[in-house]
């Protein structure tokens, strides 16, 4: 086997490992971004602990096909970057928010979330879901209101019995 082929096999194995380790992967078309825009975009990914890479479409297609996923064959054409995230919504939020900022220069092609293909509209829907931390905050606030209401009700009952 040639050195070039061995290197490509290793890259495909690395991509398969990233796919398996990620809860979501967003495929991004990034045509026309300036260096400054791309740097700002990458910095947002870094802050959110999302790995953003430009990889060869053929190698990513091979990795997906080796994992038994063929839904991305049509999306793996043209300029494509990949955002690998350990949570379901982080990469989608960043891509959709920046697509609004950088009109016609950037958009999500599709995504792979928890082992399922998600189309462009699905990525936009994912981006609208609050983050895990925000959802935890909502649950905590709701539980706090319930406990406070229960305490007030018990206090009123105790006051009525004391009369």
Protein backbone atom coordinates (compact mmCIF):
# COMPACT_ATOMS: atom_id res chain seq x y z
CA UNK A 1 0.00 0.00 0.00
CA UNK A 2 1.36 3.44 -0.90
CA UNK A 3 2.14 6.05 1.73
CA UNK A 4 -0.57 8.34 0.33
CA UNK A 5 -3.21 5.60 0.57
CA UNK A 6 -2.11 4.72 4.11
CA UNK A 7 -2.45 8.37 5.11
CA UNK A 8 -5.98 8.52 3.63
CA UNK A 9 -6.99 5.31 5.44
CA UNK A 10 -5.78 6.85 8.71
CA UNK A 11 -7.72 10.07 8.04
CA UNK A 12 -10.89 8.06 7.32
CA UNK A 13 -10.40 6.15 10.60
CA UNK A 14 -9.97 9.45 12.46
CA UNK A 15 -13.14 10.85 10.86
CA UNK A 16 -15.08 7.70 11.80
CA UNK A 17 -13.89 8.11 15.40
CA UNK A 18 -15.04 11.77 15.42
CA UNK A 19 -18.42 10.81 13.97
CA UNK A 20 -18.90 8.09 16.57
CA UNK A 21 -17.84 10.36 19.45
CA UNK A 22 -20.04 13.30 18.43
CA UNK A 23 -23.71 13.78 19.32
CA UNK A 24 -24.10 16.14 16.37
CA UNK A 25 -22.23 16.99 13.20
CA UNK A 26 -23.34 19.95 11.10
CA UNK A 27 -22.28 20.14 7.46
CA UNK A 28 -21.60 23.79 6.59
CA UNK A 29 -21.33 25.48 3.20
CA UNK A 30 -19.04 28.46 3.74
CA UNK A 31 -18.44 29.98 0.27
CA UNK A 32 -17.32 33.58 0.19
CA UNK A 33 -16.35 34.17 3.83
CA UNK A 34 -13.53 36.64 4.36
CA UNK A 35 -10.62 35.67 6.58
CA UNK A 36 -11.91 37.93 9.36
CA UNK A 37 -15.42 36.45 9.15
CA UNK A 38 -14.04 32.90 9.13
CA UNK A 39 -11.83 33.65 12.14
CA UNK A 40 -14.78 35.06 14.11
CA UNK A 41 -16.88 32.04 13.10
CA UNK A 42 -14.18 29.60 14.25
CA UNK A 43 -13.77 31.48 17.55
CA UNK A 44 -17.46 30.96 18.33
CA UNK A 45 -17.03 27.24 17.79
CA UNK A 46 -13.97 27.17 20.06
CA UNK A 47 -15.87 28.94 22.86
CA UNK A 48 -18.64 26.33 22.61
CA UNK A 49 -16.17 23.39 22.54
CA UNK A 50 -17.23 22.49 18.99
CA UNK A 51 -14.55 21.17 16.65
CA UNK A 52 -14.79 22.86 13.24
CA UNK A 53 -12.81 21.33 10.40
CA UNK A 54 -12.60 21.46 6.64
CA UNK A 55 -12.19 17.89 5.39
CA UNK A 56 -12.22 16.28 1.96
CA UNK A 57 -15.76 15.34 0.99
CA UNK A 58 -14.63 12.01 -0.46
CA UNK A 59 -12.94 10.98 2.80
CA UNK A 60 -15.96 11.99 4.90
CA UNK A 61 -18.28 10.15 2.48
CA UNK A 62 -16.07 7.05 2.84
CA UNK A 63 -16.17 7.34 6.65
CA UNK A 64 -19.97 7.70 6.70
CA UNK A 65 -20.39 4.83 4.24
CA UNK A 66 -18.10 2.61 6.37
CA UNK A 67 -20.43 3.36 9.30
CA UNK A 68 -23.44 2.40 7.17
CA UNK A 69 -24.71 5.95 6.64
CA UNK A 70 -25.44 6.93 3.03
CA UNK A 71 -27.86 9.83 3.55
CA UNK A 72 -25.09 12.43 3.15
CA UNK A 73 -23.90 11.43 -0.32
CA UNK A 74 -25.74 14.37 -1.98
CA UNK A 75 -24.63 16.90 0.66
CA UNK A 76 -20.95 16.04 0.34
CA UNK A 77 -20.34 18.17 -2.74
CA UNK A 78 -18.80 21.61 -3.07
CA UNK A 79 -17.27 23.55 -0.21
CA UNK A 80 -18.10 21.76 3.02
CA UNK A 81 -16.85 22.17 6.55
CA UNK A 82 -17.85 20.00 9.50
CA UNK A 83 -18.76 21.06 13.03
CA UNK A 84 -18.40 18.15 15.50
CA UNK A 85 -20.17 18.71 18.82
CA UNK A 86 -20.62 16.72 22.02
CA UNK A 87 -24.12 18.13 22.41
CA UNK A 88 -27.10 18.15 20.09
CA UNK A 89 -27.77 21.87 19.55
CA UNK A 90 -24.54 23.87 20.03
CA UNK A 91 -23.16 23.60 16.49
CA UNK A 92 -26.59 24.16 14.92
CA UNK A 93 -27.10 27.37 16.92
CA UNK A 94 -23.73 28.79 15.89
CA UNK A 95 -24.21 27.95 12.21
CA UNK A 96 -27.77 29.29 12.01
CA UNK A 97 -26.90 32.50 13.93
CA UNK A 98 -23.89 33.15 11.69
CA UNK A 99 -25.85 32.36 8.54
CA UNK A 100 -28.06 35.32 9.44
CA UNK A 101 -24.99 37.53 9.96
CA UNK A 102 -23.13 36.49 6.81
CA UNK A 103 -26.03 36.50 4.35
CA UNK A 104 -25.55 34.14 1.38
CA UNK A 105 -21.99 33.26 2.42
CA UNK A 106 -22.77 30.52 4.90
CA UNK A 107 -25.50 27.98 5.56
CA UNK A 108 -26.08 24.55 7.03
CA UNK A 109 -26.42 21.81 4.43
CA UNK A 110 -27.57 19.13 6.85
CA UNK A 111 -26.59 17.44 10.10
CA UNK A 112 -26.08 14.09 11.75
CA UNK A 113 -27.66 14.14 15.21
CA UNK A 114 -27.68 11.11 17.50
CA UNK A 115 -27.22 8.78 14.55
CA UNK A 116 -29.94 10.33 12.37
CA UNK A 117 -29.83 12.45 9.22
CA UNK A 118 -31.28 15.95 9.69
CA UNK A 119 -32.02 18.19 6.71
CA UNK A 120 -31.47 21.97 6.52
CA UNK A 121 -34.88 22.79 8.05
CA UNK A 122 -34.19 20.32 10.84
CA UNK A 123 -30.92 22.10 11.62
CA UNK A 124 -32.81 25.39 11.89
CA UNK A 125 -35.33 23.73 14.22
CA UNK A 126 -32.48 22.35 16.36
CA UNK A 127 -30.99 25.82 16.62
CA UNK A 128 -34.23 27.12 18.15
CA UNK A 129 -34.11 24.62 21.03
CA UNK A 130 -32.67 26.12 24.23
CA UNK A 131 -29.32 24.77 25.43
CA UNK A 132 -29.17 22.03 28.06
CA UNK A 133 -28.18 24.58 30.71
CA UNK A 134 -31.13 26.83 29.82
CA UNK A 135 -33.51 23.85 30.02
CA UNK A 136 -32.08 22.91 33.43
CA UNK A 137 -32.66 26.50 34.54
CA UNK A 138 -36.27 26.36 33.36
CA UNK A 139 -36.87 23.09 35.24
CA UNK A 140 -35.22 24.48 38.38
CA UNK A 141 -37.35 27.64 38.21
CA UNK A 142 -40.51 25.59 37.78
CA UNK A 143 -39.63 23.33 40.72
CA UNK A 144 -38.80 26.39 42.82
CA UNK A 145 -42.23 27.90 42.07
CA UNK A 146 -43.96 24.64 43.01
CA UNK A 147 -42.09 24.38 46.32
CA UNK A 148 -42.74 28.06 47.12
CA UNK A 149 -46.47 27.61 46.36
CA UNK A 150 -46.60 24.54 48.60
CA UNK A 151 -44.86 26.42 51.43
CA UNK A 152 -47.31 29.35 51.15
CA UNK A 153 -50.30 26.96 51.16
CA UNK A 154 -49.00 25.08 54.21
CA UNK A 155 -48.32 28.38 56.00
CA UNK A 156 -51.90 29.53 55.38
CA UNK A 157 -53.29 26.24 56.69
CA UNK A 158 -51.16 26.56 59.82
CA UNK A 159 -52.33 30.18 60.36
CA UNK A 160 -56.00 29.16 60.05
CA UNK A 161 -55.54 26.35 62.59
CA UNK A 162 -53.90 28.77 65.02
CA UNK A 163 -56.93 31.10 65.06
